[in-house]
Amino acid sequence: MKKQLGLIAGALLVSTSCFAADSFQVETVVYKANDLLASPVMLVEEKQPATISIGEGFSYEVTVIPQHNNTAAVETSITLAGSYFTPSFIVEYGKKASFEIGEKK
């Protein structure tokens, strides 16, 4: 399991205000061992979790909570090969935040 975690790199999140004030477009890029695995785009309702699964053993949930000054809190719950991670960010609309799981990207 530790070997698999070392091969998984993180996701890149972009949160932008989209359509109504209570919807956000979240763009995610997922790499495994420096190779692009997936790049899903989700329309996420304010304070409502959106979930996606990619292959076996990898899924994540994203919740976007609007803040002040054109920013949003992006809370994630990631399941990877039986391990659970909960990174969160404050993201300015139209900007990117990133994280990595493991040693390689």
PDB file of N, CA and C in Angstrom:
ATOM      1  N   MET A   1       0.827  -1.192   0.000  1.00  0.00           N
ATOM      2  CA  MET A   1       0.000   0.000   0.000  1.00  0.00           C
ATOM      3  C   MET A   1       0.870   1.254   0.000  1.00  0.00           C
ATOM      4  N   LYS A   2       1.960   1.272   0.750  1.00  0.00           N
ATOM      5  CA  LYS A   2       2.818   2.449   0.782  1.00  0.00           C
ATOM      6  C   LYS A   2       3.432   2.710  -0.582  1.00  0.00           C
ATOM      7  N   LYS A   3       3.763   1.658  -1.304  1.00  0.00           N
ATOM      8  CA  LYS A   3       4.332   1.824  -2.633  1.00  0.00           C
ATOM      9  C   LYS A   3       3.342   2.518  -3.556  1.00  0.00           C
ATOM     10  N   GLN A   4       2.088   2.112  -3.494  1.00  0.00           N
ATOM     11  CA  GLN A   4       1.069   2.731  -4.333  1.00  0.00           C
ATOM     12  C   GLN A   4       0.886   4.199  -3.958  1.00  0.00           C
ATOM     13  N   LEU A   5       0.915   4.506  -2.674  1.00  0.00           N
ATOM     14  CA  LEU A   5       0.785   5.900  -2.250  1.00  0.00           C
ATOM     15  C   LEU A   5       1.935   6.738  -2.787  1.00  0.00           C
ATOM     16  N   GLY A   6       3.125   6.165  -2.836  1.00  0.00           N
ATOM     17  CA  GLY A   6       4.272   6.890  -3.348  1.00  0.00           C
ATOM     18  C   GLY A   6       4.172   7.192  -4.829  1.00  0.00           C
ATOM     19  N   LEU A   7       3.382   6.438  -5.553  1.00  0.00           N
ATOM     20  CA  LEU A   7       3.245   6.639  -6.989  1.00  0.00           C
ATOM     21  C   LEU A   7       2.121   7.599  -7.347  1.00  0.00           C
ATOM     22  N   ILE A   8       1.307   7.939  -6.394  1.00  0.00           N
ATOM     23  CA  ILE A   8       0.174   8.815  -6.668  1.00  0.00           C
ATOM     24  C   ILE A   8       0.562  10.246  -6.353  1.00  0.00           C
ATOM     25  N   ALA A   9       0.412  11.108  -7.317  1.00  0.00           N
ATOM     26  CA  ALA A   9       0.622  12.535  -7.084  1.00  0.00           C
ATOM     27  C   ALA A   9      -0.733  13.199  -6.960  1.00  0.00           C
ATOM     28  N   GLY A  10      -0.722  14.403  -6.507  1.00  0.00           N
ATOM     29  CA  GLY A  10      -1.957  15.057  -6.133  1.00  0.00           C
ATOM     30  C   GLY A  10      -2.805  15.592  -7.245  1.00  0.00           C
ATOM     31  N   ALA A  11      -3.761  16.352  -6.853  1.00  0.00           N
ATOM     32  CA  ALA A  11      -4.728  16.950  -7.758  1.00  0.00           C
ATOM     33  C   ALA A  11      -4.568  18.460  -7.749  1.00  0.00           C
ATOM     34  N   LEU A  12      -4.953  19.069  -8.822  1.00  0.00           N
ATOM     35  CA  LEU A  12      -4.909  20.515  -8.963  1.00  0.00           C
ATOM     36  C   LEU A  12      -6.348  21.000  -9.014  1.00  0.00           C
ATOM     37  N   LEU A  13      -6.692  21.939  -8.170  1.00  0.00           N
ATOM     38  CA  LEU A  13      -8.066  22.420  -8.088  1.00  0.00           C
ATOM     39  C   LEU A  13      -8.157  23.865  -8.533  1.00  0.00           C
ATOM     40  N   VAL A  14      -9.168  24.158  -9.311  1.00  0.00           N
ATOM     41  CA  VAL A  14      -9.469  25.527  -9.694  1.00  0.00           C
ATOM     42  C   VAL A  14     -10.920  25.770  -9.325  1.00  0.00           C
ATOM     43  N   SER A  15     -11.180  26.795  -8.577  1.00  0.00           N
ATOM     44  CA  SER A  15     -12.544  27.121  -8.201  1.00  0.00           C
ATOM     45  C   SER A  15     -12.902  28.461  -8.814  1.00  0.00           C
ATOM     46  N   THR A  16     -13.939  28.487  -9.630  1.00  0.00           N
ATOM     47  CA  THR A  16     -14.387  29.739 -10.225  1.00  0.00           C
ATOM     48  C   THR A  16     -15.890  29.861 -10.075  1.00  0.00           C
ATOM     49  N   SER A  17     -16.344  31.061  -9.873  1.00  0.00           N
ATOM     50  CA  SER A  17     -17.771  31.294  -9.815  1.00  0.00           C
ATOM     51  C   SER A  17     -18.351  31.041 -11.194  1.00  0.00           C
ATOM     52  N   CYS A  18     -19.461  30.351 -11.250  1.00  0.00           N
ATOM     53  CA  CYS A  18     -20.008  29.937 -12.539  1.00  0.00           C
ATOM     54  C   CYS A  18     -21.530  30.015 -12.482  1.00  0.00           C
ATOM     55  N   PHE A  19     -22.148  30.573 -13.506  1.00  0.00           N
ATOM     56  CA  PHE A  19     -23.597  30.688 -13.627  1.00  0.00           C
ATOM     57  C   PHE A  19     -24.179  31.436 -12.437  1.00  0.00           C
ATOM     58  N   ALA A  20     -24.884  30.774 -11.551  1.00  0.00           N
ATOM     59  CA  ALA A  20     -25.462  31.418 -10.378  1.00  0.00           C
ATOM     60  C   ALA A  20     -24.396  31.513  -9.289  1.00  0.00           C
ATOM     61  N   ALA A  21     -24.662  32.371  -8.308  1.00  0.00           N
ATOM     62  CA  ALA A  21     -23.685  32.572  -7.240  1.00  0.00           C
ATOM     63  C   ALA A  21     -23.473  31.316  -6.406  1.00  0.00           C
ATOM     64  N   ASP A  22     -24.388  30.350  -6.504  1.00  0.00           N
ATOM     65  CA  ASP A  22     -24.277  29.162  -5.666  1.00  0.00           C
ATOM     66  C   ASP A  22     -23.746  27.939  -6.410  1.00  0.00           C
ATOM     67  N   SER A  23     -23.145  28.124  -7.573  1.00  0.00           N
ATOM     68  CA  SER A  23     -22.543  27.027  -8.330  1.00  0.00           C
ATOM     69  C   SER A  23     -21.090  27.367  -8.650  1.00  0.00           C
ATOM     70  N   PHE A  24     -20.240  26.347  -8.618  1.00  0.00           N
ATOM     71  CA  PHE A  24     -18.818  26.539  -8.880  1.00  0.00           C
ATOM     72  C   PHE A  24     -18.322  25.465  -9.832  1.00  0.00           C
ATOM     73  N   GLN A  25     -17.475  25.860 -10.751  1.00  0.00           N
ATOM     74  CA  GLN A  25     -16.828  24.900 -11.633  1.00  0.00           C
ATOM     75  C   GLN A  25     -15.496  24.519 -10.995  1.00  0.00           C
ATOM     76  N   VAL A  26     -15.314  23.237 -10.745  1.00  0.00           N
ATOM     77  CA  VAL A  26     -14.087  22.742 -10.133  1.00  0.00           C
ATOM     78  C   VAL A  26     -13.383  21.857 -11.155  1.00  0.00           C
ATOM     79  N   GLU A  27     -12.192  22.278 -11.548  1.00  0.00           N
ATOM     80  CA  GLU A  27     -11.383  21.529 -12.509  1.00  0.00           C
ATOM     81  C   GLU A  27     -10.301  20.791 -11.737  1.00  0.00           C
ATOM     82  N   THR A  28     -10.178  19.509 -11.979  1.00  0.00           N
ATOM     83  CA  THR A  28      -9.233  18.682 -11.243  1.00  0.00           C
ATOM     84  C   THR A  28      -8.321  17.955 -12.212  1.00  0.00           C
ATOM     85  N   VAL A  29      -7.050  17.889 -11.885  1.00  0.00           N
ATOM     86  CA  VAL A  29      -6.084  17.140 -12.684  1.00  0.00           C
ATOM     87  C   VAL A  29      -5.441  16.120 -11.750  1.00  0.00           C
ATOM     88  N   VAL A  30      -5.483  14.854 -12.121  1.00  0.00           N
ATOM     89  CA  VAL A  30      -4.953  13.782 -11.281  1.00  0.00           C
ATOM     90  C   VAL A  30      -3.833  13.074 -12.035  1.00  0.00           C
ATOM     91  N   TYR A  31      -2.670  12.979 -11.397  1.00  0.00           N
ATOM     92  CA  TYR A  31      -1.503  12.310 -11.985  1.00  0.00           C
ATOM     93  C   TYR A  31      -1.172  11.045 -11.197  1.00  0.00           C
ATOM     94  N   LYS A  32      -0.644  10.060 -11.878  1.00  0.00           N
ATOM     95  CA  LYS A  32      -0.106   8.860 -11.242  1.00  0.00           C
ATOM     96  C   LYS A  32       1.257   8.610 -11.864  1.00  0.00           C
ATOM     97  N   ALA A  33       2.297   8.642 -11.044  1.00  0.00           N
ATOM     98  CA  ALA A  33       3.668   8.432 -11.512  1.00  0.00           C
ATOM     99  C   ALA A  33       3.999   9.348 -12.688  1.00  0.00           C
ATOM    100  N   ASN A  34       3.695  10.624 -12.546  1.00  0.00           N
ATOM    101  CA  ASN A  34       3.961  11.660 -13.555  1.00  0.00           C
ATOM    102  C   ASN A  34       3.135  11.540 -14.824  1.00  0.00           C
ATOM    103  N   ASP A  35       2.224  10.601 -14.893  1.00  0.00           N
ATOM    104  CA  ASP A  35       1.348  10.452 -16.054  1.00  0.00           C
ATOM    105  C   ASP A  35      -0.041  10.970 -15.715  1.00  0.00           C
ATOM    106  N   LEU A  36      -0.628  11.714 -16.642  1.00  0.00           N
ATOM    107  CA  LEU A  36      -1.981  12.218 -16.440  1.00  0.00           C
ATOM    108  C   LEU A  36      -2.943  11.047 -16.395  1.00  0.00           C
ATOM    109  N   LEU A  37      -3.667  10.912 -15.289  1.00  0.00           N
ATOM    110  CA  LEU A  37      -4.632   9.839 -15.113  1.00  0.00           C
ATOM    111  C   LEU A  37      -6.026  10.292 -15.530  1.00  0.00           C
ATOM    112  N   ALA A  38      -6.408  11.512 -15.129  1.00  0.00           N
ATOM    113  CA  ALA A  38      -7.732  12.043 -15.457  1.00  0.00           C
ATOM    114  C   ALA A  38      -7.737  13.547 -15.228  1.00  0.00           C
ATOM    115  N   SER A  39      -8.685  14.232 -15.874  1.00  0.00           N
ATOM    116  CA  SER A  39      -8.848  15.671 -15.653  1.00  0.00           C
ATOM    117  C   SER A  39     -10.328  16.037 -15.693  1.00  0.00           C
ATOM    118  N   PRO A  40     -11.093  15.517 -14.737  1.00  0.00           N
ATOM    119  CA  PRO A  40     -12.529  15.805 -14.716  1.00  0.00           C
ATOM    120  C   PRO A  40     -12.836  17.249 -14.322  1.00  0.00           C
ATOM    121  N   VAL A  41     -13.953  17.740 -14.831  1.00  0.00           N
ATOM    122  CA  VAL A  41     -14.481  19.059 -14.483  1.00  0.00           C
ATOM    123  C   VAL A  41     -15.866  18.832 -13.895  1.00  0.00           C
ATOM    124  N   MET A  42     -16.116  19.421 -12.727  1.00  0.00           N
ATOM    125  CA  MET A  42     -17.401  19.235 -12.053  1.00  0.00           C
ATOM    126  C   MET A  42     -18.066  20.580 -11.797  1.00  0.00           C
ATOM    127  N   LEU A  43     -19.365  20.621 -11.914  1.00  0.00           N
ATOM    128  CA  LEU A  43     -20.150  21.767 -11.481  1.00  0.00           C
ATOM    129  C   LEU A  43     -20.656  21.424 -10.084  1.00  0.00           C
ATOM    130  N   VAL A  44     -20.191  22.171  -9.091  1.00  0.00           N
ATOM    131  CA  VAL A  44     -20.464  21.861  -7.694  1.00  0.00           C
ATOM    132  C   VAL A  44     -21.371  22.937  -7.109  1.00  0.00           C
ATOM    133  N   GLU A  45     -22.460  22.517  -6.511  1.00  0.00           N
ATOM    134  CA  GLU A  45     -23.363  23.446  -5.839  1.00  0.00           C
ATOM    135  C   GLU A  45     -22.749  23.874  -4.505  1.00  0.00           C
ATOM    136  N   GLU A  46     -22.959  25.129  -4.150  1.00  0.00           N
ATOM    137  CA  GLU A  46     -22.445  25.688  -2.902  1.00  0.00           C
ATOM    138  C   GLU A  46     -22.805  24.799  -1.713  1.00  0.00           C
ATOM    139  N   LYS A  47     -21.809  24.431  -0.922  1.00  0.00           N
ATOM    140  CA  LYS A  47     -21.956  23.652   0.310  1.00  0.00           C
ATOM    141  C   LYS A  47     -22.516  22.245   0.096  1.00  0.00           C
ATOM    142  N   GLN A  48     -22.567  21.773  -1.150  1.00  0.00           N
ATOM    143  CA  GLN A  48     -23.058  20.427  -1.442  1.00  0.00           C
ATOM    144  C   GLN A  48     -21.900  19.580  -1.964  1.00  0.00           C
ATOM    145  N   PRO A  49     -21.626  18.439  -1.356  1.00  0.00           N
ATOM    146  CA  PRO A  49     -20.509  17.617  -1.817  1.00  0.00           C
ATOM    147  C   PRO A  49     -20.763  17.004  -3.191  1.00  0.00           C
ATOM    148  N   ALA A  50     -19.725  16.957  -3.991  1.00  0.00           N
ATOM    149  CA  ALA A  50     -19.747  16.276  -5.287  1.00  0.00           C
ATOM    150  C   ALA A  50     -18.664  15.205  -5.224  1.00  0.00           C
ATOM    151  N   THR A  51     -18.975  14.009  -5.700  1.00  0.00           N
ATOM    152  CA  THR A  51     -18.058  12.880  -5.593  1.00  0.00           C
ATOM    153  C   THR A  51     -17.722  12.322  -6.961  1.00  0.00           C
ATOM    154  N   ILE A  52     -16.479  11.866  -7.106  1.00  0.00           N
ATOM    155  CA  ILE A  52     -16.051  11.239  -8.350  1.00  0.00           C
ATOM    156  C   ILE A  52     -15.096  10.094  -8.009  1.00  0.00           C
ATOM    157  N   SER A  53     -15.143   9.038  -8.818  1.00  0.00           N
ATOM    158  CA  SER A  53     -14.223   7.906  -8.676  1.00  0.00           C
ATOM    159  C   SER A  53     -13.425   7.771  -9.959  1.00  0.00           C
ATOM    160  N   ILE A  54     -12.144   7.458  -9.800  1.00  0.00           N
ATOM    161  CA  ILE A  54     -11.271   7.255 -10.953  1.00  0.00           C
ATOM    162  C   ILE A  54     -10.575   5.914 -10.751  1.00  0.00           C
ATOM    163  N   GLY A  55     -10.920   4.950 -11.568  1.00  0.00           N
ATOM    164  CA  GLY A  55     -10.314   3.632 -11.452  1.00  0.00           C
ATOM    165  C   GLY A  55     -10.676   2.961 -10.139  1.00  0.00           C
ATOM    166  N   GLU A  56      -9.913   1.937  -9.796  1.00  0.00           N
ATOM    167  CA  GLU A  56     -10.146   1.213  -8.554  1.00  0.00           C
ATOM    168  C   GLU A  56      -9.335   1.825  -7.421  1.00  0.00           C
ATOM    169  N   GLY A  57      -9.966   2.030  -6.292  1.00  0.00           N
ATOM    170  CA  GLY A  57      -9.255   2.479  -5.109  1.00  0.00           C
ATOM    171  C   GLY A  57      -9.000   3.966  -4.998  1.00  0.00           C
ATOM    172  N   PHE A  58      -9.515   4.782  -5.935  1.00  0.00           N
ATOM    173  CA  PHE A  58      -9.316   6.225  -5.842  1.00  0.00           C
ATOM    174  C   PHE A  58     -10.643   6.937  -6.050  1.00  0.00           C
ATOM    175  N   SER A  59     -11.046   7.698  -5.051  1.00  0.00           N
ATOM    176  CA  SER A  59     -12.247   8.526  -5.179  1.00  0.00           C
ATOM    177  C   SER A  59     -12.041   9.779  -4.337  1.00  0.00           C
ATOM    178  N   TYR A  60     -12.779  10.814  -4.693  1.00  0.00           N
ATOM    179  CA  TYR A  60     -12.711  12.016  -3.876  1.00  0.00           C
ATOM    180  C   TYR A  60     -14.030  12.766  -3.902  1.00  0.00           C
ATOM    181  N   GLU A  61     -14.211  13.533  -2.830  1.00  0.00           N
ATOM    182  CA  GLU A  61     -15.398  14.353  -2.646  1.00  0.00           C
ATOM    183  C   GLU A  61     -14.923  15.794  -2.499  1.00  0.00           C
ATOM    184  N   VAL A  62     -15.619  16.712  -3.143  1.00  0.00           N
ATOM    185  CA  VAL A  62     -15.269  18.131  -3.100  1.00  0.00           C
ATOM    186  C   VAL A  62     -16.479  18.923  -2.621  1.00  0.00           C
ATOM    187  N   THR A  63     -16.259  19.817  -1.673  1.00  0.00           N
ATOM    188  CA  THR A  63     -17.289  20.742  -1.210  1.00  0.00           C
ATOM    189  C   THR A  63     -16.720  22.152  -1.313  1.00  0.00           C
ATOM    190  N   VAL A  64     -17.491  23.073  -1.894  1.00  0.00           N
ATOM    191  CA  VAL A  64     -17.055  24.461  -2.052  1.00  0.00           C
ATOM    192  C   VAL A  64     -17.933  25.346  -1.178  1.00  0.00           C
ATOM    193  N   ILE A  65     -17.289  26.150  -0.340  1.00  0.00           N
ATOM    194  CA  ILE A  65     -17.998  27.051   0.571  1.00  0.00           C
ATOM    195  C   ILE A  65     -17.515  28.473   0.296  1.00  0.00           C
ATOM    196  N   PRO A  66     -18.381  29.343  -0.237  1.00  0.00           N
ATOM    197  CA  PRO A  66     -17.973  30.720  -0.534  1.00  0.00           C
ATOM    198  C   PRO A  66     -17.488  31.447   0.718  1.00  0.00           C
ATOM    199  N   GLN A  67     -16.457  32.268   0.542  1.00  0.00           N
ATOM    200  CA  GLN A  67     -15.894  33.086   1.609  1.00  0.00           C
ATOM    201  C   GLN A  67     -16.033  34.551   1.190  1.00  0.00           C
ATOM    202  N   HIS A  68     -15.242  35.416   1.777  1.00  0.00           N
ATOM    203  CA  HIS A  68     -15.251  36.832   1.427  1.00  0.00           C
ATOM    204  C   HIS A  68     -14.187  37.131   0.380  1.00  0.00           C
ATOM    205  N   ASN A  69     -14.284  38.292  -0.259  1.00  0.00           N
ATOM    206  CA  ASN A  69     -13.266  38.796  -1.190  1.00  0.00           C
ATOM    207  C   ASN A  69     -12.976  37.848  -2.349  1.00  0.00           C
ATOM    208  N   ASN A  70     -14.031  37.333  -2.991  1.00  0.00           N
ATOM    209  CA  ASN A  70     -13.879  36.454  -4.164  1.00  0.00           C
ATOM    210  C   ASN A  70     -13.030  35.220  -3.894  1.00  0.00           C
ATOM    211  N   THR A  71     -13.225  34.616  -2.741  1.00  0.00           N
ATOM    212  CA  THR A  71     -12.536  33.375  -2.411  1.00  0.00           C
ATOM    213  C   THR A  71     -13.553  32.321  -1.984  1.00  0.00           C
ATOM    214  N   ALA A  72     -13.112  31.072  -2.018  1.00  0.00           N
ATOM    215  CA  ALA A  72     -13.952  29.965  -1.566  1.00  0.00           C
ATOM    216  C   ALA A  72     -13.083  28.968  -0.822  1.00  0.00           C
ATOM    217  N   ALA A  73     -13.661  28.349   0.195  1.00  0.00           N
ATOM    218  CA  ALA A  73     -12.998  27.233   0.866  1.00  0.00           C
ATOM    219  C   ALA A  73     -13.313  25.987   0.053  1.00  0.00           C
ATOM    220  N   VAL A  74     -12.289  25.245  -0.311  1.00  0.00           N
ATOM    221  CA  VAL A  74     -12.455  23.996  -1.045  1.00  0.00           C
ATOM    222  C   VAL A  74     -12.033  22.880  -0.100  1.00  0.00           C
ATOM    223  N   GLU A  75     -13.000  22.067   0.311  1.00  0.00           N
ATOM    224  CA  GLU A  75     -12.735  20.964   1.226  1.00  0.00           C
ATOM    225  C   GLU A  75     -12.815  19.662   0.447  1.00  0.00           C
ATOM    226  N   THR A  76     -11.829  18.798   0.614  1.00  0.00           N
ATOM    227  CA  THR A  76     -11.814  17.535  -0.112  1.00  0.00           C
ATOM    228  C   THR A  76     -11.672  16.366   0.853  1.00  0.00           C
ATOM    229  N   SER A  77     -12.214  15.250   0.452  1.00  0.00           N
ATOM    230  CA  SER A  77     -12.038  13.976   1.146  1.00  0.00           C
ATOM    231  C   SER A  77     -11.589  12.985   0.093  1.00  0.00           C
ATOM    232  N   ILE A  78     -10.406  12.443   0.260  1.00  0.00           N
ATOM    233  CA  ILE A  78      -9.818  11.564  -0.748  1.00  0.00           C
ATOM    234  C   ILE A  78      -9.616  10.177  -0.163  1.00  0.00           C
ATOM    235  N   THR A  79     -10.056   9.168  -0.896  1.00  0.00           N
ATOM    236  CA  THR A  79      -9.799   7.782  -0.533  1.00  0.00           C
ATOM    237  C   THR A  79      -8.849   7.210  -1.570  1.00  0.00           C
ATOM    238  N   LEU A  80      -7.721   6.701  -1.102  1.00  0.00           N
ATOM    239  CA  LEU A  80      -6.696   6.168  -1.992  1.00  0.00           C
ATOM    240  C   LEU A  80      -6.170   4.867  -1.410  1.00  0.00           C
ATOM    241  N   ALA A  81      -6.478   3.772  -2.082  1.00  0.00           N
ATOM    242  CA  ALA A  81      -5.982   2.446  -1.672  1.00  0.00           C
ATOM    243  C   ALA A  81      -6.225   2.184  -0.192  1.00  0.00           C
ATOM    244  N   GLY A  82      -7.414   2.538   0.292  1.00  0.00           N
ATOM    245  CA  GLY A  82      -7.767   2.293   1.681  1.00  0.00           C
ATOM    246  C   GLY A  82      -7.322   3.366   2.655  1.00  0.00           C
ATOM    247  N   SER A  83      -6.546   4.339   2.216  1.00  0.00           N
ATOM    248  CA  SER A  83      -6.135   5.454   3.071  1.00  0.00           C
ATOM    249  C   SER A  83      -7.049   6.644   2.802  1.00  0.00           C
ATOM    250  N   TYR A  84      -7.165   7.513   3.796  1.00  0.00           N
ATOM    251  CA  TYR A  84      -8.103   8.626   3.737  1.00  0.00           C
ATOM    252  C   TYR A  84      -7.354   9.929   4.018  1.00  0.00           C
ATOM    253  N   PHE A  85      -7.551  10.938   3.155  1.00  0.00           N
ATOM    254  CA  PHE A  85      -6.907  12.248   3.286  1.00  0.00           C
ATOM    255  C   PHE A  85      -7.976  13.333   3.198  1.00  0.00           C
ATOM    256  N   THR A  86      -7.761  14.452   3.885  1.00  0.00           N
ATOM    257  CA  THR A  86      -8.743  15.541   3.863  1.00  0.00           C
ATOM    258  C   THR A  86      -8.078  16.908   3.678  1.00  0.00           C
ATOM    259  N   PRO A  87      -7.409  17.140   2.555  1.00  0.00           N
ATOM    260  CA  PRO A  87      -6.827  18.471   2.332  1.00  0.00           C
ATOM    261  C   PRO A  87      -7.912  19.519   2.092  1.00  0.00           C
ATOM    262  N   SER A  88      -7.644  20.745   2.527  1.00  0.00           N
ATOM    263  CA  SER A  88      -8.573  21.848   2.270  1.00  0.00           C
ATOM    264  C   SER A  88      -7.764  23.100   1.945  1.00  0.00           C
ATOM    265  N   PHE A  89      -8.406  24.007   1.217  1.00  0.00           N
ATOM    266  CA  PHE A  89      -7.742  25.207   0.716  1.00  0.00           C
ATOM    267  C   PHE A  89      -8.687  26.393   0.783  1.00  0.00           C
ATOM    268  N   ILE A  90      -8.123  27.584   0.782  1.00  0.00           N
ATOM    269  CA  ILE A  90      -8.864  28.801   0.464  1.00  0.00           C
ATOM    270  C   ILE A  90      -8.350  29.209  -0.912  1.00  0.00           C
ATOM    271  N   VAL A  91      -9.250  29.288  -1.889  1.00  0.00           N
ATOM    272  CA  VAL A  91      -8.866  29.534  -3.275  1.00  0.00           C
ATOM    273  C   VAL A  91      -9.552  30.797  -3.778  1.00  0.00           C
ATOM    274  N   GLU A  92      -8.776  31.674  -4.388  1.00  0.00           N
ATOM    275  CA  GLU A  92      -9.340  32.851  -5.044  1.00  0.00           C
ATOM    276  C   GLU A  92      -9.989  32.397  -6.346  1.00  0.00           C
ATOM    277  N   TYR A  93     -11.163  32.944  -6.674  1.00  0.00           N
ATOM    278  CA  TYR A  93     -11.850  32.559  -7.904  1.00  0.00           C
ATOM    279  C   TYR A  93     -10.910  32.712  -9.092  1.00  0.00           C
ATOM    280  N   GLY A  94     -10.855  31.688  -9.915  1.00  0.00           N
ATOM    281  CA  GLY A  94     -10.012  31.717 -11.094  1.00  0.00           C
ATOM    282  C   GLY A  94      -8.555  31.346 -10.842  1.00  0.00           C
ATOM    283  N   LYS A  95      -8.182  31.090  -9.596  1.00  0.00           N
ATOM    284  CA  LYS A  95      -6.801  30.718  -9.249  1.00  0.00           C
ATOM    285  C   LYS A  95      -6.728  29.220  -8.968  1.00  0.00           C
ATOM    286  N   LYS A  96      -5.500  28.737  -8.811  1.00  0.00           N
ATOM    287  CA  LYS A  96      -5.279  27.312  -8.603  1.00  0.00           C
ATOM    288  C   LYS A  96      -4.698  27.038  -7.228  1.00  0.00           C
ATOM    289  N   ALA A  97      -5.011  25.871  -6.709  1.00  0.00           N
ATOM    290  CA  ALA A  97      -4.391  25.355  -5.492  1.00  0.00           C
ATOM    291  C   ALA A  97      -4.019  23.914  -5.793  1.00  0.00           C
ATOM    292  N   SER A  98      -2.935  23.435  -5.219  1.00  0.00           N
ATOM    293  CA  SER A  98      -2.537  22.058  -5.521  1.00  0.00           C
ATOM    294  C   SER A  98      -2.014  21.363  -4.277  1.00  0.00           C
ATOM    295  N   PHE A  99      -1.972  20.039  -4.344  1.00  0.00           N
ATOM    296  CA  PHE A  99      -1.386  19.226  -3.291  1.00  0.00           C
ATOM    297  C   PHE A  99      -0.877  17.941  -3.916  1.00  0.00           C
ATOM    298  N   GLU A 100      -0.022  17.252  -3.188  1.00  0.00           N
ATOM    299  CA  GLU A 100       0.510  15.974  -3.647  1.00  0.00           C
ATOM    300  C   GLU A 100       0.345  14.938  -2.556  1.00  0.00           C
ATOM    301  N   ILE A 101       0.097  13.713  -2.973  1.00  0.00           N
ATOM    302  CA  ILE A 101       0.072  12.575  -2.069  1.00  0.00           C
ATOM    303  C   ILE A 101       1.208  11.673  -2.527  1.00  0.00           C
ATOM    304  N   GLY A 102       2.161  11.442  -1.683  1.00  0.00           N
ATOM    305  CA  GLY A 102       3.303  10.628  -2.075  1.00  0.00           C
ATOM    306  C   GLY A 102       4.481  11.501  -2.450  1.00  0.00           C
ATOM    307  N   GLU A 103       5.526  10.858  -2.959  1.00  0.00           N
ATOM    308  CA  GLU A 103       6.773  11.552  -3.219  1.00  0.00           C
ATOM    309  C   GLU A 103       6.930  12.028  -4.647  1.00  0.00           C
ATOM    310  N   LYS A 104       6.178  11.468  -5.584  1.00  0.00           N
ATOM    311  CA  LYS A 104       6.375  11.801  -6.990  1.00  0.00           C
ATOM    312  C   LYS A 104       5.192  12.576  -7.533  1.00  0.00           C
ATOM    313  N   LYS A 105       5.460  13.391  -8.542  1.00  0.00           N
ATOM    314  CA  LYS A 105       4.384  14.110  -9.215  1.00  0.00           C
ATOM    315  C   LYS A 105       4.442  13.827 -10.686  1.00  0.00           C
TER     316      LYS A 105
END
